[in-house]
Amino acid sequence: MLRFHTLDVFTQTPYAGNPLAVVLGGDALSTQQMQAIAREFNFTESVFVLPSEHPEAMLRLRIFTPLEELQFAGHPSIGAACLLAEKGLVPPGDDVCFAFEEAVGIVQVRIAQSAGAPVRAQIWAAQKPELGSTAPDSNALAAALGLEAEAIGLGQEGPMVASCGLPMLLVPLSAPEQLAGISVDYRALAPLAKSCAAHSVYVYARGYEGELRTRLFSPGIGEDPATGSAAMALAARLAMLPEQADGDLRWEIRQGVEMRRPSEIHVTVEKKSGQIEAVTLAGYALQIMEGHLHYP
């Protein structure tokens, strides 16, 4: 039997945020078995915590959607880090740093915890951000999202592909109210995402309190209530806008509101001499369930 835990990630409130399954002790599982277990949980992602094969990393993570294995994802990395801290499986202390080995590379992790408070984890992007210039036609995107063409775009911001380990098609909207009006036609959206090699479509707007409001749609899986890899890609894209000066740039992202799974994601970008030096992602996670998996 294998031990598993479920967590709600990017929230301090139970039954909000993004659900995650974390499986411990699955060293002997094959890739096919891990994929089958991920389908059984049927969360947007499940993560398997394994011994590291890299000298710089404390542990190795393998991340699966119900359909495929991912090179990198933010909410499994944050959730696994918080769980390990809660269980005393990382070095003790209020401010602890270590690293995960993931398919994308070495992911640096920082844990902050205090008695009686949820654990907060921060991770660093393992890859330099990549910003692409090719994106589908805005009219086609608007039609696939069930919006008017005028809803797409905000000032100098148009649709763009960006990646901090997992390519995302970023689609800006002119007002946050339009997020609630989205009605996705996945048969139309899937080929648009595929045409620019994007894993998912991340729609965003600026809120009225300085925050970013977002929704993510993934062909084959559906909507996701909190997406760390997309948040990091969006932060990198915004950091390179002409009006953004050098320094430590910070954004708070609220996702999952329309799904009744409100999430709070914190992203930072360190920008020097007009170039991105680092992108980080931070959030909380709460344990919800635990148990055993029976697997032959």
C-alpha atoms as a PDB file:
ATOM      1  CA  MET A   1       0.000   0.000   0.000  1.00  0.00           C
ATOM      2  CA  LEU A   2       1.109   3.533  -0.773  1.00  0.00           C
ATOM      3  CA  ARG A   3       0.514   6.555   1.425  1.00  0.00           C
ATOM      4  CA  PHE A   4      -1.236   9.526  -0.156  1.00  0.00           C
ATOM      5  CA  HIS A   5      -2.361  12.968   0.950  1.00  0.00           C
ATOM      6  CA  THR A   6      -4.606  15.515  -0.705  1.00  0.00           C
ATOM      7  CA  LEU A   7      -4.095  19.227  -0.263  1.00  0.00           C
ATOM      8  CA  ASP A   8      -5.744  22.458  -1.301  1.00  0.00           C
ATOM      9  CA  VAL A   9      -3.011  24.639  -2.784  1.00  0.00           C
ATOM     10  CA  PHE A  10      -2.840  28.446  -3.104  1.00  0.00           C
ATOM     11  CA  THR A  11      -5.292  29.020  -0.273  1.00  0.00           C
ATOM     12  CA  GLN A  12      -5.488  29.341   3.500  1.00  0.00           C
ATOM     13  CA  THR A  13      -9.132  28.203   3.485  1.00  0.00           C
ATOM     14  CA  PRO A  14     -10.115  24.515   3.324  1.00  0.00           C
ATOM     15  CA  TYR A  15     -12.007  23.434   0.201  1.00  0.00           C
ATOM     16  CA  ALA A  16     -10.766  26.385  -1.819  1.00  0.00           C
ATOM     17  CA  GLY A  17      -7.675  26.659  -4.017  1.00  0.00           C
ATOM     18  CA  ASN A  18      -6.523  23.855  -6.289  1.00  0.00           C
ATOM     19  CA  PRO A  19      -6.803  20.234  -5.097  1.00  0.00           C
ATOM     20  CA  LEU A  20      -3.649  18.121  -5.338  1.00  0.00           C
ATOM     21  CA  ALA A  21      -2.829  14.482  -4.663  1.00  0.00           C
ATOM     22  CA  VAL A  22       0.644  13.728  -3.275  1.00  0.00           C
ATOM     23  CA  VAL A  23       1.794  10.097  -3.304  1.00  0.00           C
ATOM     24  CA  LEU A  24       4.698   9.067  -1.084  1.00  0.00           C
ATOM     25  CA  GLY A  25       6.768   5.904  -1.326  1.00  0.00           C
ATOM     26  CA  GLY A  26       5.982   5.068  -4.944  1.00  0.00           C
ATOM     27  CA  ASP A  27       9.590   4.332  -5.933  1.00  0.00           C
ATOM     28  CA  ALA A  28       8.701   0.977  -7.500  1.00  0.00           C
ATOM     29  CA  LEU A  29       5.822   2.291  -9.623  1.00  0.00           C
ATOM     30  CA  SER A  30       6.185   2.365 -13.381  1.00  0.00           C
ATOM     31  CA  THR A  31       5.283   5.394 -15.455  1.00  0.00           C
ATOM     32  CA  GLN A  32       2.134   3.590 -16.596  1.00  0.00           C
ATOM     33  CA  GLN A  33       1.115   2.898 -12.995  1.00  0.00           C
ATOM     34  CA  MET A  34       1.669   6.533 -11.999  1.00  0.00           C
ATOM     35  CA  GLN A  35      -0.448   7.673 -14.918  1.00  0.00           C
ATOM     36  CA  ALA A  36      -3.222   5.263 -13.920  1.00  0.00           C
ATOM     37  CA  ILE A  37      -3.186   6.573 -10.340  1.00  0.00           C
ATOM     38  CA  ALA A  38      -3.368  10.159 -11.600  1.00  0.00           C
ATOM     39  CA  ARG A  39      -6.415   9.207 -13.683  1.00  0.00           C
ATOM     40  CA  GLU A  40      -7.964   7.650 -10.576  1.00  0.00           C
ATOM     41  CA  PHE A  41      -7.563  10.847  -8.539  1.00  0.00           C
ATOM     42  CA  ASN A  42      -8.719  12.865 -11.570  1.00  0.00           C
ATOM     43  CA  PHE A  43      -7.335  16.119 -10.171  1.00  0.00           C
ATOM     44  CA  THR A  44      -5.751  18.528 -12.609  1.00  0.00           C
ATOM     45  CA  GLU A  45      -2.416  17.227 -11.288  1.00  0.00           C
ATOM     46  CA  SER A  46      -1.037  14.537  -8.995  1.00  0.00           C
ATOM     47  CA  VAL A  47       2.583  14.375  -7.846  1.00  0.00           C
ATOM     48  CA  PHE A  48       4.809  11.458  -6.837  1.00  0.00           C
ATOM     49  CA  VAL A  49       7.622  12.222  -4.377  1.00  0.00           C
ATOM     50  CA  LEU A  50      10.644  10.020  -5.088  1.00  0.00           C
ATOM     51  CA  PRO A  51      14.334   9.762  -4.169  1.00  0.00           C
ATOM     52  CA  SER A  52      16.433  12.227  -6.127  1.00  0.00           C
ATOM     53  CA  GLU A  53      18.767  11.121  -8.891  1.00  0.00           C
ATOM     54  CA  HIS A  54      20.587  14.485  -8.860  1.00  0.00           C
ATOM     55  CA  PRO A  55      23.205  15.483  -6.234  1.00  0.00           C
ATOM     56  CA  GLU A  56      21.830  19.037  -5.922  1.00  0.00           C
ATOM     57  CA  ALA A  57      18.261  17.965  -5.133  1.00  0.00           C
ATOM     58  CA  MET A  58      16.796  16.558  -1.931  1.00  0.00           C
ATOM     59  CA  LEU A  59      13.896  14.763  -3.648  1.00  0.00           C
ATOM     60  CA  ARG A  60      12.502  14.123  -7.112  1.00  0.00           C
ATOM     61  CA  LEU A  61       8.992  15.010  -8.263  1.00  0.00           C
ATOM     62  CA  ARG A  62       7.071  13.416 -11.112  1.00  0.00           C
ATOM     63  CA  ILE A  63       3.916  15.309 -12.042  1.00  0.00           C
ATOM     64  CA  PHE A  64       0.937  13.897 -13.947  1.00  0.00           C
ATOM     65  CA  THR A  65      -2.366  15.223 -15.211  1.00  0.00           C
ATOM     66  CA  PRO A  66      -5.049  12.579 -15.858  1.00  0.00           C
ATOM     67  CA  LEU A  67      -3.757  12.514 -19.452  1.00  0.00           C
ATOM     68  CA  GLU A  68       0.009  13.033 -19.415  1.00  0.00           C
ATOM     69  CA  GLU A  69       3.209  13.644 -17.483  1.00  0.00           C
ATOM     70  CA  LEU A  70       4.391  17.258 -17.222  1.00  0.00           C
ATOM     71  CA  GLN A  71       7.937  18.574 -17.122  1.00  0.00           C
ATOM     72  CA  PHE A  72       6.957  21.194 -14.558  1.00  0.00           C
ATOM     73  CA  ALA A  73       3.929  22.542 -12.715  1.00  0.00           C
ATOM     74  CA  GLY A  74       3.681  25.101  -9.945  1.00  0.00           C
ATOM     75  CA  HIS A  75       0.854  23.872  -7.742  1.00  0.00           C
ATOM     76  CA  PRO A  76       2.291  20.329  -7.292  1.00  0.00           C
ATOM     77  CA  SER A  77       5.705  21.812  -6.449  1.00  0.00           C
ATOM     78  CA  ILE A  78       4.210  24.214  -3.887  1.00  0.00           C
ATOM     79  CA  GLY A  79       1.881  21.576  -2.440  1.00  0.00           C
ATOM     80  CA  ALA A  80       4.525  18.858  -2.141  1.00  0.00           C
ATOM     81  CA  ALA A  81       6.904  21.294  -0.419  1.00  0.00           C
ATOM     82  CA  CYS A  82       4.264  22.335   2.106  1.00  0.00           C
ATOM     83  CA  LEU A  83       3.287  18.729   2.855  1.00  0.00           C
ATOM     84  CA  LEU A  84       6.894  17.649   3.386  1.00  0.00           C
ATOM     85  CA  ALA A  85       7.408  20.546   5.792  1.00  0.00           C
ATOM     86  CA  GLU A  86       4.230  19.652   7.703  1.00  0.00           C
ATOM     87  CA  LYS A  87       5.403  16.047   8.006  1.00  0.00           C
ATOM     88  CA  GLY A  88       8.906  16.986   9.169  1.00  0.00           C
ATOM     89  CA  LEU A  89      10.488  15.494   6.041  1.00  0.00           C
ATOM     90  CA  VAL A  90      12.599  18.567   5.257  1.00  0.00           C
ATOM     91  CA  PRO A  91      15.325  20.143   7.418  1.00  0.00           C
ATOM     92  CA  PRO A  92      13.822  21.871  10.482  1.00  0.00           C
ATOM     93  CA  GLY A  93      13.574  25.624  10.887  1.00  0.00           C
ATOM     94  CA  ASP A  94      11.323  28.594  10.211  1.00  0.00           C
ATOM     95  CA  ASP A  95      13.093  29.467   6.950  1.00  0.00           C
ATOM     96  CA  VAL A  96      14.403  26.421   5.082  1.00  0.00           C
ATOM     97  CA  CYS A  97      15.839  26.076   1.564  1.00  0.00           C
ATOM     98  CA  PHE A  98      16.287  22.900  -0.506  1.00  0.00           C
ATOM     99  CA  ALA A  99      15.711  21.744  -4.090  1.00  0.00           C
ATOM    100  CA  PHE A 100      13.474  19.401  -6.061  1.00  0.00           C
ATOM    101  CA  GLU A 101      14.575  17.499  -9.118  1.00  0.00           C
ATOM    102  CA  GLU A 102      11.896  17.800 -11.816  1.00  0.00           C
ATOM    103  CA  ALA A 103      11.913  16.938 -15.499  1.00  0.00           C
ATOM    104  CA  VAL A 104      12.423  20.632 -16.291  1.00  0.00           C
ATOM    105  CA  GLY A 105      15.559  20.794 -14.119  1.00  0.00           C
ATOM    106  CA  ILE A 106      16.454  21.736 -10.539  1.00  0.00           C
ATOM    107  CA  VAL A 107      13.701  23.725  -8.801  1.00  0.00           C
ATOM    108  CA  GLN A 108      14.872  25.701  -5.786  1.00  0.00           C
ATOM    109  CA  VAL A 109      12.447  25.797  -2.846  1.00  0.00           C
ATOM    110  CA  ARG A 110      12.105  27.979   0.228  1.00  0.00           C
ATOM    111  CA  ILE A 111       9.783  27.111   3.131  1.00  0.00           C
ATOM    112  CA  ALA A 112       8.459  29.596   5.698  1.00  0.00           C
ATOM    113  CA  GLN A 113       6.485  28.277   8.652  1.00  0.00           C
ATOM    114  CA  SER A 114       5.452  29.281  12.139  1.00  0.00           C
ATOM    115  CA  ALA A 115       3.513  27.490  14.867  1.00  0.00           C
ATOM    116  CA  GLY A 116      -0.212  27.266  14.183  1.00  0.00           C
ATOM    117  CA  ALA A 117      -0.009  28.860  10.736  1.00  0.00           C
ATOM    118  CA  PRO A 118      -0.249  27.260   7.275  1.00  0.00           C
ATOM    119  CA  VAL A 119       3.073  26.526   5.623  1.00  0.00           C
ATOM    120  CA  ARG A 120       4.093  28.896   2.828  1.00  0.00           C
ATOM    121  CA  ALA A 121       6.354  27.676   0.031  1.00  0.00           C
ATOM    122  CA  GLN A 122       8.242  29.616  -2.620  1.00  0.00           C
ATOM    123  CA  ILE A 123       9.859  28.147  -5.721  1.00  0.00           C
ATOM    124  CA  TRP A 124      12.190  29.522  -8.381  1.00  0.00           C
ATOM    125  CA  ALA A 125      11.720  28.863 -12.090  1.00  0.00           C
ATOM    126  CA  ALA A 126      14.281  26.322 -13.259  1.00  0.00           C
ATOM    127  CA  GLN A 127      14.366  27.771 -16.769  1.00  0.00           C
ATOM    128  CA  LYS A 128      14.851  31.286 -18.067  1.00  0.00           C
ATOM    129  CA  PRO A 129      11.530  32.688 -19.313  1.00  0.00           C
ATOM    130  CA  GLU A 130      10.807  32.340 -23.009  1.00  0.00           C
ATOM    131  CA  LEU A 131       8.527  34.886 -24.679  1.00  0.00           C
ATOM    132  CA  GLY A 132       7.196  34.080 -28.145  1.00  0.00           C
ATOM    133  CA  SER A 133       5.844  36.418 -30.787  1.00  0.00           C
ATOM    134  CA  THR A 134       3.527  33.956 -32.539  1.00  0.00           C
ATOM    135  CA  ALA A 135      -0.061  33.713 -31.307  1.00  0.00           C
ATOM    136  CA  PRO A 136      -3.383  32.785 -32.920  1.00  0.00           C
ATOM    137  CA  ASP A 137      -5.629  35.414 -34.439  1.00  0.00           C
ATOM    138  CA  SER A 138      -7.452  37.443 -31.769  1.00  0.00           C
ATOM    139  CA  ASN A 139     -10.800  37.057 -33.550  1.00  0.00           C
ATOM    140  CA  ALA A 140     -10.452  33.270 -33.514  1.00  0.00           C
ATOM    141  CA  LEU A 141      -9.495  33.326 -29.842  1.00  0.00           C
ATOM    142  CA  ALA A 142     -12.449  35.530 -28.976  1.00  0.00           C
ATOM    143  CA  ALA A 143     -14.840  33.175 -30.805  1.00  0.00           C
ATOM    144  CA  ALA A 144     -13.400  30.111 -29.030  1.00  0.00           C
ATOM    145  CA  LEU A 145     -13.831  31.875 -25.666  1.00  0.00           C
ATOM    146  CA  GLY A 146     -17.367  33.040 -26.440  1.00  0.00           C
ATOM    147  CA  LEU A 147     -16.378  36.719 -26.314  1.00  0.00           C
ATOM    148  CA  GLU A 148     -16.668  39.706 -28.614  1.00  0.00           C
ATOM    149  CA  ALA A 149     -13.507  40.441 -30.584  1.00  0.00           C
ATOM    150  CA  GLU A 150     -13.152  43.795 -28.819  1.00  0.00           C
ATOM    151  CA  ALA A 151     -12.659  42.012 -25.492  1.00  0.00           C
ATOM    152  CA  ILE A 152      -9.231  40.690 -26.498  1.00  0.00           C
ATOM    153  CA  GLY A 153      -6.246  42.954 -25.858  1.00  0.00           C
ATOM    154  CA  LEU A 154      -5.333  45.730 -23.460  1.00  0.00           C
ATOM    155  CA  GLY A 155      -3.162  48.623 -24.601  1.00  0.00           C
ATOM    156  CA  GLN A 156       0.115  47.190 -25.903  1.00  0.00           C
ATOM    157  CA  GLU A 157      -0.769  43.722 -24.634  1.00  0.00           C
ATOM    158  CA  GLY A 158      -2.028  41.191 -27.126  1.00  0.00           C
ATOM    159  CA  PRO A 159      -2.076  37.381 -27.055  1.00  0.00           C
ATOM    160  CA  MET A 160       1.390  35.907 -26.556  1.00  0.00           C
ATOM    161  CA  VAL A 161       2.989  32.536 -25.779  1.00  0.00           C
ATOM    162  CA  ALA A 162       5.270  32.554 -22.730  1.00  0.00           C
ATOM    163  CA  SER A 163       6.938  29.831 -20.684  1.00  0.00           C
ATOM    164  CA  CYS A 164       8.796  29.311 -17.435  1.00  0.00           C
ATOM    165  CA  GLY A 165       8.923  25.566 -18.046  1.00  0.00           C
ATOM    166  CA  LEU A 166       5.478  24.939 -19.567  1.00  0.00           C
ATOM    167  CA  PRO A 167       4.325  27.043 -22.569  1.00  0.00           C
ATOM    168  CA  MET A 168       1.125  29.010 -22.022  1.00  0.00           C
ATOM    169  CA  LEU A 169      -0.952  31.070 -24.427  1.00  0.00           C
ATOM    170  CA  LEU A 170      -1.601  34.319 -22.530  1.00  0.00           C
ATOM    171  CA  VAL A 171      -4.746  36.184 -23.559  1.00  0.00           C
ATOM    172  CA  PRO A 172      -5.380  39.661 -22.079  1.00  0.00           C
ATOM    173  CA  LEU A 173      -8.909  41.012 -21.661  1.00  0.00           C
ATOM    174  CA  SER A 174      -9.829  44.669 -21.562  1.00  0.00           C
ATOM    175  CA  ALA A 175     -11.891  44.408 -18.324  1.00  0.00           C
ATOM    176  CA  PRO A 176     -12.161  41.882 -15.447  1.00  0.00           C
ATOM    177  CA  GLU A 177     -15.954  41.598 -15.825  1.00  0.00           C
ATOM    178  CA  GLN A 178     -15.419  39.764 -19.104  1.00  0.00           C
ATOM    179  CA  LEU A 179     -13.850  36.798 -17.303  1.00  0.00           C
ATOM    180  CA  ALA A 180     -17.252  35.744 -15.977  1.00  0.00           C
ATOM    181  CA  GLY A 181     -18.726  35.850 -19.489  1.00  0.00           C
ATOM    182  CA  ILE A 182     -16.362  33.282 -20.993  1.00  0.00           C
ATOM    183  CA  SER A 183     -18.037  30.242 -22.551  1.00  0.00           C
ATOM    184  CA  VAL A 184     -15.356  27.971 -23.971  1.00  0.00           C
ATOM    185  CA  ASP A 185     -15.676  25.963 -27.157  1.00  0.00           C
ATOM    186  CA  TYR A 186     -12.880  23.448 -26.557  1.00  0.00           C
ATOM    187  CA  ARG A 187     -13.161  22.033 -30.063  1.00  0.00           C
ATOM    188  CA  ALA A 188     -12.219  25.471 -31.376  1.00  0.00           C
ATOM    189  CA  LEU A 189      -9.731  26.291 -28.606  1.00  0.00           C
ATOM    190  CA  ALA A 190      -7.675  23.088 -28.832  1.00  0.00           C
ATOM    191  CA  PRO A 191      -6.290  23.652 -32.358  1.00  0.00           C
ATOM    192  CA  LEU A 192      -5.510  27.288 -31.515  1.00  0.00           C
ATOM    193  CA  ALA A 193      -3.397  26.213 -28.534  1.00  0.00           C
ATOM    194  CA  LYS A 194      -1.766  23.452 -30.562  1.00  0.00           C
ATOM    195  CA  SER A 195      -0.886  25.853 -33.379  1.00  0.00           C
ATOM    196  CA  CYS A 196       1.476  27.759 -31.074  1.00  0.00           C
ATOM    197  CA  ALA A 197       2.620  24.718 -29.017  1.00  0.00           C
ATOM    198  CA  ALA A 198       0.889  26.007 -25.882  1.00  0.00           C
ATOM    199  CA  HIS A 199      -0.203  23.562 -23.193  1.00  0.00           C
ATOM    200  CA  SER A 200      -3.125  25.728 -22.035  1.00  0.00           C
ATOM    201  CA  VAL A 201      -4.789  29.103 -22.511  1.00  0.00           C
ATOM    202  CA  TYR A 202      -4.430  31.601 -19.642  1.00  0.00           C
ATOM    203  CA  VAL A 203      -6.884  34.490 -19.828  1.00  0.00           C
ATOM    204  CA  TYR A 204      -6.167  37.510 -17.641  1.00  0.00           C
ATOM    205  CA  ALA A 205      -7.383  40.994 -16.783  1.00  0.00           C
ATOM    206  CA  ARG A 206      -6.348  43.684 -14.341  1.00  0.00           C
ATOM    207  CA  GLY A 207      -8.587  43.962 -11.292  1.00  0.00           C
ATOM    208  CA  TYR A 208      -9.602  47.162  -9.556  1.00  0.00           C
ATOM    209  CA  GLU A 209      -7.484  46.609  -6.424  1.00  0.00           C
ATOM    210  CA  GLY A 210      -4.151  46.205  -8.192  1.00  0.00           C
ATOM    211  CA  GLU A 211      -4.478  42.429  -8.535  1.00  0.00           C
ATOM    212  CA  LEU A 212      -4.564  40.267 -11.650  1.00  0.00           C
ATOM    213  CA  ARG A 213      -7.669  38.175 -12.308  1.00  0.00           C
ATOM    214  CA  THR A 214      -7.215  34.999 -14.344  1.00  0.00           C
ATOM    215  CA  ARG A 215      -8.812  31.831 -15.695  1.00  0.00           C
ATOM    216  CA  LEU A 216      -7.034  28.866 -17.302  1.00  0.00           C
ATOM    217  CA  PHE A 217      -8.503  26.488 -19.871  1.00  0.00           C
ATOM    218  CA  SER A 218      -6.693  23.309 -20.867  1.00  0.00           C
ATOM    219  CA  PRO A 219      -7.967  21.282 -23.851  1.00  0.00           C
ATOM    220  CA  GLY A 220      -8.711  17.738 -22.727  1.00  0.00           C
ATOM    221  CA  ILE A 221      -8.813  18.604 -19.012  1.00  0.00           C
ATOM    222  CA  GLY A 222     -10.954  21.718 -18.663  1.00  0.00           C
ATOM    223  CA  GLU A 223     -10.648  24.674 -16.323  1.00  0.00           C
ATOM    224  CA  ASP A 224      -8.045  24.802 -13.551  1.00  0.00           C
ATOM    225  CA  PRO A 225      -8.629  26.792 -10.333  1.00  0.00           C
ATOM    226  CA  ALA A 226      -4.962  27.781  -9.784  1.00  0.00           C
ATOM    227  CA  THR A 227      -2.011  27.406 -12.146  1.00  0.00           C
ATOM    228  CA  GLY A 228       1.469  28.253 -10.920  1.00  0.00           C
ATOM    229  CA  SER A 229       3.312  27.641 -14.188  1.00  0.00           C
ATOM    230  CA  ALA A 230       0.926  29.983 -16.019  1.00  0.00           C
ATOM    231  CA  ALA A 231       1.247  32.621 -13.285  1.00  0.00           C
ATOM    232  CA  MET A 232       5.030  32.564 -13.652  1.00  0.00           C
ATOM    233  CA  ALA A 233       4.786  32.872 -17.441  1.00  0.00           C
ATOM    234  CA  LEU A 234       2.379  35.798 -17.094  1.00  0.00           C
ATOM    235  CA  ALA A 235       4.657  37.585 -14.626  1.00  0.00           C
ATOM    236  CA  ALA A 236       7.593  37.220 -17.011  1.00  0.00           C
ATOM    237  CA  ARG A 237       5.506  38.605 -19.874  1.00  0.00           C
ATOM    238  CA  LEU A 238       4.339  41.615 -17.834  1.00  0.00           C
ATOM    239  CA  ALA A 239       7.848  42.294 -16.527  1.00  0.00           C
ATOM    240  CA  MET A 240       9.059  42.850 -20.087  1.00  0.00           C
ATOM    241  CA  LEU A 241       6.461  45.492 -20.936  1.00  0.00           C
ATOM    242  CA  PRO A 242       8.197  48.777 -21.848  1.00  0.00           C
ATOM    243  CA  GLU A 243       6.774  50.629 -18.835  1.00  0.00           C
ATOM    244  CA  GLN A 244       8.198  48.153 -16.309  1.00  0.00           C
ATOM    245  CA  ALA A 245      11.400  49.441 -14.733  1.00  0.00           C
ATOM    246  CA  ASP A 246      14.145  47.295 -13.226  1.00  0.00           C
ATOM    247  CA  GLY A 247      13.716  46.008  -9.682  1.00  0.00           C
ATOM    248  CA  ASP A 248      11.739  43.404  -7.767  1.00  0.00           C
ATOM    249  CA  LEU A 249       8.322  43.293  -9.433  1.00  0.00           C
ATOM    250  CA  ARG A 250       5.404  41.666  -7.620  1.00  0.00           C
ATOM    251  CA  TRP A 251       1.903  40.583  -8.592  1.00  0.00           C
ATOM    252  CA  GLU A 252      -0.984  38.971  -6.734  1.00  0.00           C
ATOM    253  CA  ILE A 253      -3.111  36.725  -8.933  1.00  0.00           C
ATOM    254  CA  ARG A 254      -6.652  35.638  -8.102  1.00  0.00           C
ATOM    255  CA  GLN A 255      -7.855  32.596  -9.998  1.00  0.00           C
ATOM    256  CA  GLY A 256     -10.649  30.066  -9.515  1.00  0.00           C
ATOM    257  CA  VAL A 257     -13.278  32.599  -8.446  1.00  0.00           C
ATOM    258  CA  GLU A 258     -15.700  31.555 -11.188  1.00  0.00           C
ATOM    259  CA  MET A 259     -15.239  27.887 -10.154  1.00  0.00           C
ATOM    260  CA  ARG A 260     -15.978  28.671  -6.484  1.00  0.00           C
ATOM    261  CA  ARG A 261     -12.405  27.595  -5.705  1.00  0.00           C
ATOM    262  CA  PRO A 262     -10.810  31.016  -5.035  1.00  0.00           C
ATOM    263  CA  SER A 263      -7.023  30.935  -5.111  1.00  0.00           C
ATOM    264  CA  GLU A 264      -4.293  33.446  -4.262  1.00  0.00           C
ATOM    265  CA  ILE A 265      -1.008  33.167  -6.140  1.00  0.00           C
ATOM    266  CA  HIS A 266       2.005  35.381  -5.527  1.00  0.00           C
ATOM    267  CA  VAL A 267       4.644  35.884  -8.216  1.00  0.00           C
ATOM    268  CA  THR A 268       7.784  38.001  -8.301  1.00  0.00           C
ATOM    269  CA  VAL A 269      10.252  38.882 -11.031  1.00  0.00           C
ATOM    270  CA  GLU A 270      13.771  40.161 -10.450  1.00  0.00           C
ATOM    271  CA  LYS A 271      14.652  42.426 -13.369  1.00  0.00           C
ATOM    272  CA  LYS A 272      18.101  43.941 -13.914  1.00  0.00           C
ATOM    273  CA  SER A 273      19.415  45.935 -16.877  1.00  0.00           C
ATOM    274  CA  GLY A 274      16.208  45.212 -18.728  1.00  0.00           C
ATOM    275  CA  GLN A 275      16.570  41.435 -18.365  1.00  0.00           C
ATOM    276  CA  ILE A 276      14.798  38.910 -16.139  1.00  0.00           C
ATOM    277  CA  GLU A 277      17.140  37.390 -13.559  1.00  0.00           C
ATOM    278  CA  ALA A 278      14.640  35.234 -11.661  1.00  0.00           C
ATOM    279  CA  VAL A 279      10.949  34.370 -11.467  1.00  0.00           C
ATOM    280  CA  THR A 280       9.449  33.028  -8.245  1.00  0.00           C
ATOM    281  CA  LEU A 281       6.067  31.619  -7.254  1.00  0.00           C
ATOM    282  CA  ALA A 282       4.675  31.434  -3.714  1.00  0.00           C
ATOM    283  CA  GLY A 283       1.569  30.241  -1.926  1.00  0.00           C
ATOM    284  CA  TYR A 284       0.068  28.272   0.934  1.00  0.00           C
ATOM    285  CA  ALA A 285      -1.322  24.741   1.067  1.00  0.00           C
ATOM    286  CA  LEU A 286      -3.600  22.913   3.507  1.00  0.00           C
ATOM    287  CA  GLN A 287      -3.920  19.156   4.061  1.00  0.00           C
ATOM    288  CA  ILE A 288      -7.446  17.889   3.435  1.00  0.00           C
ATOM    289  CA  MET A 289      -7.339  14.071   3.303  1.00  0.00           C
ATOM    290  CA  GLU A 290      -4.925  11.185   3.703  1.00  0.00           C
ATOM    291  CA  GLY A 291      -5.067   7.454   3.201  1.00  0.00           C
ATOM    292  CA  HIS A 292      -3.642   4.415   1.443  1.00  0.00           C
ATOM    293  CA  LEU A 293      -3.611   3.392  -2.188  1.00  0.00           C
ATOM    294  CA  HIS A 294      -4.003  -0.303  -2.958  1.00  0.00           C
ATOM    295  CA  TYR A 295      -1.960  -1.150  -6.021  1.00  0.00           C
ATOM    296  CA  PRO A 296      -0.759  -4.599  -7.155  1.00  0.00           C
END
